[in-house]
Amino acid sequence: MTNEHGRLTVVGEGKVTVQADVVVLSIGVSTTHSNVEEAVRENNERAQAVVGALQRMRGVEQIETLAYSVSPIYEFVNGEQIVRGYSAVTWFDVTVDDLTVVGEVYAEAFAHGANETRDLRFKVSDEEAHYQQALQLAVRRGYDHAQAMAGASMVELEQPPVNMRELIDGPVTIQRQAYALAATVGPPIEPQQMEIVARVELEFSYNRTN
């Protein structure tokens, strides 16, 4: 009778489906003027007015400046490129933790000088806790896969696994739906279902008796 030793490597994946409870709105203030100083001044005034108005709103958790740029506006006249004015643009990421007030946030921003939007993004406030659940599920499924393969191969696994590692560095969140809103008061925002994914690799030693 001889004993055969070897290694078995499996991958386990865990998914937790949760409902998004936070949304990030990208809101911009764009101004143009023939004079660069005026374009910048007007943009600063309107941007400050937007921030001040949103800071007073219920449900607005955070406002971050995402980007700021000043650039010339060109046009061609008789085959020559000339500067006809200047554009100043400020973009903000506005985090809202009450989905029922998203339309009001847009309306307030536009009323105080905002005139640009981009796609909104859904998030989960306690993502790390949900990721830990997905990670535990991934480990259990990895164990199940290993046991099934060992049974089919008629070998005996040694416990615990000799190696275990995460294949994803932190949570991966899959958003099932996304919306883009124009620079108007948008439709009611429906809570979105999101999947938080974790993957692990488990390596086991096994014995086979011949």
C-alpha atoms as a PDB file:
ATOM      1  CA  MET A   1       0.000   0.000   0.000  1.00  0.00           C
ATOM      2  CA  THR A   2       1.397   3.396  -0.992  1.00  0.00           C
ATOM      3  CA  ASN A   3       0.353   6.958  -0.186  1.00  0.00           C
ATOM      4  CA  GLU A   4       0.237   9.564  -2.924  1.00  0.00           C
ATOM      5  CA  HIS A   5       0.492  13.228  -1.924  1.00  0.00           C
ATOM      6  CA  GLY A   6      -0.455  16.224  -4.024  1.00  0.00           C
ATOM      7  CA  ARG A   7      -1.940  19.699  -4.138  1.00  0.00           C
ATOM      8  CA  LEU A   8      -5.410  20.807  -5.197  1.00  0.00           C
ATOM      9  CA  THR A   9      -6.169  24.460  -5.994  1.00  0.00           C
ATOM     10  CA  VAL A  10      -9.709  25.816  -6.253  1.00  0.00           C
ATOM     11  CA  VAL A  11     -11.345  29.229  -6.612  1.00  0.00           C
ATOM     12  CA  GLY A  12     -14.395  30.287  -4.635  1.00  0.00           C
ATOM     13  CA  GLU A  13     -16.602  33.247  -5.480  1.00  0.00           C
ATOM     14  CA  GLY A  14     -19.087  34.967  -3.208  1.00  0.00           C
ATOM     15  CA  LYS A  15     -21.708  37.523  -4.214  1.00  0.00           C
ATOM     16  CA  VAL A  16     -23.920  39.618  -1.981  1.00  0.00           C
ATOM     17  CA  THR A  17     -26.791  41.571  -3.534  1.00  0.00           C
ATOM     18  CA  VAL A  18     -27.622  44.805  -1.747  1.00  0.00           C
ATOM     19  CA  GLN A  19     -29.656  47.903  -2.424  1.00  0.00           C
ATOM     20  CA  ALA A  20     -27.732  51.099  -3.099  1.00  0.00           C
ATOM     21  CA  ASP A  21     -28.421  53.812  -0.545  1.00  0.00           C
ATOM     22  CA  VAL A  22     -25.996  56.518  -1.718  1.00  0.00           C
ATOM     23  CA  VAL A  23     -25.721  58.307  -5.059  1.00  0.00           C
ATOM     24  CA  VAL A  24     -22.916  60.523  -6.358  1.00  0.00           C
ATOM     25  CA  LEU A  25     -23.986  63.310  -8.714  1.00  0.00           C
ATOM     26  CA  SER A  26     -21.488  64.992 -11.039  1.00  0.00           C
ATOM     27  CA  ILE A  27     -22.604  68.613 -11.377  1.00  0.00           C
ATOM     28  CA  GLY A  28     -20.770  71.269 -13.368  1.00  0.00           C
ATOM     29  CA  VAL A  29     -20.652  75.034 -13.722  1.00  0.00           C
ATOM     30  CA  SER A  30     -19.574  76.250 -17.158  1.00  0.00           C
ATOM     31  CA  THR A  31     -19.091  79.916 -18.104  1.00  0.00           C
ATOM     32  CA  THR A  32     -17.812  81.646 -21.226  1.00  0.00           C
ATOM     33  CA  HIS A  33     -16.721  85.215 -21.858  1.00  0.00           C
ATOM     34  CA  SER A  34     -14.641  87.146 -24.343  1.00  0.00           C
ATOM     35  CA  ASN A  35     -12.376  88.125 -21.443  1.00  0.00           C
ATOM     36  CA  VAL A  36     -10.600  85.360 -19.519  1.00  0.00           C
ATOM     37  CA  GLU A  37     -10.776  87.225 -16.201  1.00  0.00           C
ATOM     38  CA  GLU A  38     -14.533  87.629 -16.550  1.00  0.00           C
ATOM     39  CA  ALA A  39     -15.018  83.962 -17.438  1.00  0.00           C
ATOM     40  CA  VAL A  40     -13.072  82.961 -14.316  1.00  0.00           C
ATOM     41  CA  ARG A  41     -14.798  85.495 -12.064  1.00  0.00           C
ATOM     42  CA  GLU A  42     -18.295  84.480 -13.137  1.00  0.00           C
ATOM     43  CA  ASN A  43     -17.438  80.794 -12.801  1.00  0.00           C
ATOM     44  CA  ASN A  44     -16.094  81.278  -9.281  1.00  0.00           C
ATOM     45  CA  GLU A  45     -19.176  83.227  -8.209  1.00  0.00           C
ATOM     46  CA  ARG A  46     -21.604  80.681  -9.600  1.00  0.00           C
ATOM     47  CA  ALA A  47     -19.618  77.722  -8.266  1.00  0.00           C
ATOM     48  CA  GLN A  48     -19.555  79.232  -4.773  1.00  0.00           C
ATOM     49  CA  ALA A  49     -23.296  79.873  -4.965  1.00  0.00           C
ATOM     50  CA  VAL A  50     -23.941  76.252  -5.951  1.00  0.00           C
ATOM     51  CA  VAL A  51     -21.778  74.885  -3.132  1.00  0.00           C
ATOM     52  CA  GLY A  52     -23.359  77.204  -0.571  1.00  0.00           C
ATOM     53  CA  ALA A  53     -26.873  76.201  -1.602  1.00  0.00           C
ATOM     54  CA  LEU A  54     -26.130  72.466  -1.580  1.00  0.00           C
ATOM     55  CA  GLN A  55     -24.378  72.601   1.798  1.00  0.00           C
ATOM     56  CA  ARG A  56     -27.647  73.766   3.333  1.00  0.00           C
ATOM     57  CA  MET A  57     -29.649  70.877   1.889  1.00  0.00           C
ATOM     58  CA  ARG A  58     -30.863  67.809   3.728  1.00  0.00           C
ATOM     59  CA  GLY A  59     -29.315  64.608   2.411  1.00  0.00           C
ATOM     60  CA  VAL A  60     -26.159  66.161   0.935  1.00  0.00           C
ATOM     61  CA  GLU A  61     -23.349  64.310   2.676  1.00  0.00           C
ATOM     62  CA  GLN A  62     -20.276  65.623   0.855  1.00  0.00           C
ATOM     63  CA  ILE A  63     -19.254  68.037  -1.912  1.00  0.00           C
ATOM     64  CA  GLU A  64     -15.876  67.597  -3.585  1.00  0.00           C
ATOM     65  CA  THR A  65     -14.273  69.612  -6.372  1.00  0.00           C
ATOM     66  CA  LEU A  66     -13.618  67.068  -9.095  1.00  0.00           C
ATOM     67  CA  ALA A  67     -12.001  69.260 -11.757  1.00  0.00           C
ATOM     68  CA  TYR A  68     -11.406  72.875 -12.744  1.00  0.00           C
ATOM     69  CA  SER A  69     -10.214  74.159 -16.100  1.00  0.00           C
ATOM     70  CA  VAL A  70      -9.855  77.374 -18.078  1.00  0.00           C
ATOM     71  CA  SER A  71      -9.330  77.155 -21.831  1.00  0.00           C
ATOM     72  CA  PRO A  72      -9.538  79.365 -24.924  1.00  0.00           C
ATOM     73  CA  ILE A  73     -12.374  78.967 -27.404  1.00  0.00           C
ATOM     74  CA  TYR A  74     -11.131  78.969 -30.992  1.00  0.00           C
ATOM     75  CA  GLU A  75     -12.822  79.522 -34.308  1.00  0.00           C
ATOM     76  CA  PHE A  76     -11.555  79.693 -37.866  1.00  0.00           C
ATOM     77  CA  VAL A  77     -12.017  82.917 -39.823  1.00  0.00           C
ATOM     78  CA  ASN A  78     -10.789  83.035 -43.412  1.00  0.00           C
ATOM     79  CA  GLY A  79      -8.640  80.005 -42.754  1.00  0.00           C
ATOM     80  CA  GLU A  80      -7.061  81.465 -39.625  1.00  0.00           C
ATOM     81  CA  GLN A  81      -7.523  80.225 -36.082  1.00  0.00           C
ATOM     82  CA  ILE A  82      -8.469  83.010 -33.709  1.00  0.00           C
ATOM     83  CA  VAL A  83      -9.486  83.129 -30.063  1.00  0.00           C
ATOM     84  CA  ARG A  84     -13.095  84.232 -29.757  1.00  0.00           C
ATOM     85  CA  GLY A  85     -13.404  83.792 -25.992  1.00  0.00           C
ATOM     86  CA  TYR A  86     -12.613  81.706 -22.942  1.00  0.00           C
ATOM     87  CA  SER A  87     -14.346  78.913 -21.088  1.00  0.00           C
ATOM     88  CA  ALA A  88     -14.096  78.149 -17.370  1.00  0.00           C
ATOM     89  CA  VAL A  89     -15.542  74.898 -16.029  1.00  0.00           C
ATOM     90  CA  THR A  90     -15.808  73.555 -12.477  1.00  0.00           C
ATOM     91  CA  TRP A  91     -17.027  70.023 -11.738  1.00  0.00           C
ATOM     92  CA  PHE A  92     -18.272  68.816  -8.371  1.00  0.00           C
ATOM     93  CA  ASP A  93     -19.010  65.343  -7.054  1.00  0.00           C
ATOM     94  CA  VAL A  94     -22.024  65.657  -4.761  1.00  0.00           C
ATOM     95  CA  THR A  95     -22.660  62.666  -2.497  1.00  0.00           C
ATOM     96  CA  VAL A  96     -26.304  62.278  -1.483  1.00  0.00           C
ATOM     97  CA  ASP A  97     -27.350  59.739   1.159  1.00  0.00           C
ATOM     98  CA  ASP A  98     -31.104  60.230   0.720  1.00  0.00           C
ATOM     99  CA  LEU A  99     -32.279  59.107  -2.716  1.00  0.00           C
ATOM    100  CA  THR A 100     -35.631  60.845  -2.275  1.00  0.00           C
ATOM    101  CA  VAL A 101     -34.023  64.308  -2.549  1.00  0.00           C
ATOM    102  CA  VAL A 102     -31.907  63.784  -5.677  1.00  0.00           C
ATOM    103  CA  GLY A 103     -34.310  65.768  -7.870  1.00  0.00           C
ATOM    104  CA  GLU A 104     -34.298  68.602  -5.334  1.00  0.00           C
ATOM    105  CA  VAL A 105     -30.492  68.627  -5.291  1.00  0.00           C
ATOM    106  CA  TYR A 106     -30.384  68.998  -9.073  1.00  0.00           C
ATOM    107  CA  ALA A 107     -33.030  71.731  -8.979  1.00  0.00           C
ATOM    108  CA  GLU A 108     -31.189  73.683  -6.285  1.00  0.00           C
ATOM    109  CA  ALA A 109     -27.867  73.376  -8.104  1.00  0.00           C
ATOM    110  CA  PHE A 110     -29.328  74.582 -11.405  1.00  0.00           C
ATOM    111  CA  ALA A 111     -31.167  77.430  -9.692  1.00  0.00           C
ATOM    112  CA  HIS A 112     -27.849  78.736  -8.343  1.00  0.00           C
ATOM    113  CA  GLY A 113     -25.777  78.521 -11.513  1.00  0.00           C
ATOM    114  CA  ALA A 114     -24.998  74.897 -12.384  1.00  0.00           C
ATOM    115  CA  ASN A 115     -25.605  74.010 -16.025  1.00  0.00           C
ATOM    116  CA  GLU A 116     -23.834  70.674 -16.633  1.00  0.00           C
ATOM    117  CA  THR A 117     -24.295  67.081 -15.437  1.00  0.00           C
ATOM    118  CA  ARG A 118     -22.708  63.713 -16.071  1.00  0.00           C
ATOM    119  CA  ASP A 119     -23.778  60.166 -15.257  1.00  0.00           C
ATOM    120  CA  LEU A 120     -24.695  59.586 -11.648  1.00  0.00           C
ATOM    121  CA  ARG A 121     -23.134  56.704  -9.707  1.00  0.00           C
ATOM    122  CA  PHE A 122     -24.757  54.511  -7.085  1.00  0.00           C
ATOM    123  CA  LYS A 123     -22.896  53.327  -3.997  1.00  0.00           C
ATOM    124  CA  VAL A 124     -23.449  51.338  -0.820  1.00  0.00           C
ATOM    125  CA  SER A 125     -22.680  53.132   2.430  1.00  0.00           C
ATOM    126  CA  ASP A 126     -21.462  50.061   4.361  1.00  0.00           C
ATOM    127  CA  GLU A 127     -19.711  48.347   1.455  1.00  0.00           C
ATOM    128  CA  GLU A 128     -16.915  46.852   3.578  1.00  0.00           C
ATOM    129  CA  ALA A 129     -19.360  44.975   5.822  1.00  0.00           C
ATOM    130  CA  HIS A 130     -21.099  43.494   2.773  1.00  0.00           C
ATOM    131  CA  TYR A 131     -17.730  42.592   1.265  1.00  0.00           C
ATOM    132  CA  GLN A 132     -16.832  40.617   4.377  1.00  0.00           C
ATOM    133  CA  GLN A 133     -20.063  38.642   3.925  1.00  0.00           C
ATOM    134  CA  ALA A 134     -19.166  37.975   0.287  1.00  0.00           C
ATOM    135  CA  LEU A 135     -15.657  36.947   1.338  1.00  0.00           C
ATOM    136  CA  GLN A 136     -16.970  34.417   3.855  1.00  0.00           C
ATOM    137  CA  LEU A 137     -19.298  33.018   1.209  1.00  0.00           C
ATOM    138  CA  ALA A 138     -16.397  32.752  -1.258  1.00  0.00           C
ATOM    139  CA  VAL A 139     -14.354  30.739   1.253  1.00  0.00           C
ATOM    140  CA  ARG A 140     -17.260  28.372   1.957  1.00  0.00           C
ATOM    141  CA  ARG A 141     -17.827  27.812  -1.750  1.00  0.00           C
ATOM    142  CA  GLY A 142     -14.124  27.207  -2.249  1.00  0.00           C
ATOM    143  CA  TYR A 143     -14.247  24.524   0.447  1.00  0.00           C
ATOM    144  CA  ASP A 144     -17.325  22.988  -1.197  1.00  0.00           C
ATOM    145  CA  HIS A 145     -15.601  22.883  -4.603  1.00  0.00           C
ATOM    146  CA  ALA A 146     -12.519  21.284  -3.097  1.00  0.00           C
ATOM    147  CA  GLN A 147     -14.548  18.626  -1.277  1.00  0.00           C
ATOM    148  CA  ALA A 148     -16.520  17.822  -4.430  1.00  0.00           C
ATOM    149  CA  MET A 149     -13.365  17.486  -6.527  1.00  0.00           C
ATOM    150  CA  ALA A 150     -11.647  15.402  -3.865  1.00  0.00           C
ATOM    151  CA  GLY A 151     -14.639  13.080  -3.666  1.00  0.00           C
ATOM    152  CA  ALA A 152     -14.752  12.662  -7.428  1.00  0.00           C
ATOM    153  CA  SER A 153     -11.016  11.933  -7.485  1.00  0.00           C
ATOM    154  CA  MET A 154     -11.188   9.631  -4.447  1.00  0.00           C
ATOM    155  CA  VAL A 155      -8.568  11.534  -2.468  1.00  0.00           C
ATOM    156  CA  GLU A 156      -8.619  12.819   1.101  1.00  0.00           C
ATOM    157  CA  LEU A 157      -8.087  16.519   1.714  1.00  0.00           C
ATOM    158  CA  GLU A 158      -5.923  17.733   4.552  1.00  0.00           C
ATOM    159  CA  GLN A 159      -7.361  20.572   6.628  1.00  0.00           C
ATOM    160  CA  PRO A 160      -6.877  23.503   6.793  1.00  0.00           C
ATOM    161  CA  PRO A 161      -5.747  24.679   3.331  1.00  0.00           C
ATOM    162  CA  VAL A 162      -2.023  25.288   3.019  1.00  0.00           C
ATOM    163  CA  ASN A 163      -2.564  28.585   1.186  1.00  0.00           C
ATOM    164  CA  MET A 164      -5.437  31.042   0.918  1.00  0.00           C
ATOM    165  CA  ARG A 165      -5.451  34.397  -0.869  1.00  0.00           C
ATOM    166  CA  GLU A 166      -7.900  36.970  -2.154  1.00  0.00           C
ATOM    167  CA  LEU A 167      -7.991  37.252  -5.930  1.00  0.00           C
ATOM    168  CA  ILE A 168      -9.601  40.696  -5.745  1.00  0.00           C
ATOM    169  CA  ASP A 169      -7.946  43.478  -3.789  1.00  0.00           C
ATOM    170  CA  GLY A 170     -11.016  44.749  -1.993  1.00  0.00           C
ATOM    171  CA  PRO A 171     -14.672  44.742  -3.008  1.00  0.00           C
ATOM    172  CA  VAL A 172     -15.811  44.757  -6.612  1.00  0.00           C
ATOM    173  CA  THR A 173     -19.223  46.350  -6.948  1.00  0.00           C
ATOM    174  CA  ILE A 174     -21.312  45.581 -10.023  1.00  0.00           C
ATOM    175  CA  GLN A 175     -23.998  48.155 -10.707  1.00  0.00           C
ATOM    176  CA  ARG A 176     -26.868  46.521 -12.504  1.00  0.00           C
ATOM    177  CA  GLN A 177     -28.320  49.748 -13.888  1.00  0.00           C
ATOM    178  CA  ALA A 178     -27.135  53.303 -14.379  1.00  0.00           C
ATOM    179  CA  TYR A 179     -28.827  56.498 -15.419  1.00  0.00           C
ATOM    180  CA  ALA A 180     -27.643  59.640 -17.173  1.00  0.00           C
ATOM    181  CA  LEU A 181     -29.610  62.788 -16.437  1.00  0.00           C
ATOM    182  CA  ALA A 182     -29.643  65.927 -18.526  1.00  0.00           C
ATOM    183  CA  ALA A 183     -29.295  69.361 -16.976  1.00  0.00           C
ATOM    184  CA  THR A 184     -32.905  69.443 -15.865  1.00  0.00           C
ATOM    185  CA  VAL A 185     -34.722  68.112 -12.853  1.00  0.00           C
ATOM    186  CA  GLY A 186     -34.556  64.379 -13.482  1.00  0.00           C
ATOM    187  CA  PRO A 187     -37.087  61.628 -12.883  1.00  0.00           C
ATOM    188  CA  PRO A 188     -37.409  60.012  -9.453  1.00  0.00           C
ATOM    189  CA  ILE A 189     -34.354  57.903  -8.675  1.00  0.00           C
ATOM    190  CA  GLU A 190     -35.202  54.288  -7.964  1.00  0.00           C
ATOM    191  CA  PRO A 191     -32.915  52.386  -5.564  1.00  0.00           C
ATOM    192  CA  GLN A 192     -30.627  50.111  -7.562  1.00  0.00           C
ATOM    193  CA  GLN A 193     -29.611  46.547  -6.829  1.00  0.00           C
ATOM    194  CA  MET A 194     -25.849  46.079  -6.683  1.00  0.00           C
ATOM    195  CA  GLU A 195     -23.653  43.001  -6.399  1.00  0.00           C
ATOM    196  CA  ILE A 196     -20.568  43.001  -4.193  1.00  0.00           C
ATOM    197  CA  VAL A 197     -18.160  40.284  -5.307  1.00  0.00           C
ATOM    198  CA  ALA A 198     -15.263  38.541  -3.550  1.00  0.00           C
ATOM    199  CA  ARG A 199     -13.017  35.777  -4.917  1.00  0.00           C
ATOM    200  CA  VAL A 200     -10.501  33.608  -3.096  1.00  0.00           C
ATOM    201  CA  GLU A 201      -8.033  30.930  -4.102  1.00  0.00           C
ATOM    202  CA  LEU A 202      -7.587  27.951  -1.776  1.00  0.00           C
ATOM    203  CA  GLU A 203      -4.792  25.402  -2.033  1.00  0.00           C
ATOM    204  CA  PHE A 204      -5.141  22.054  -0.252  1.00  0.00           C
ATOM    205  CA  SER A 205      -2.839  19.129   0.279  1.00  0.00           C
ATOM    206  CA  TYR A 206      -4.363  15.714  -0.365  1.00  0.00           C
ATOM    207  CA  ASN A 207      -3.565  12.067   0.204  1.00  0.00           C
ATOM    208  CA  ARG A 208      -4.482   9.093  -1.942  1.00  0.00           C
ATOM    209  CA  THR A 209      -4.048   5.554  -0.683  1.00  0.00           C
ATOM    210  CA  ASN A 210      -3.313   2.969  -3.369  1.00  0.00           C
END
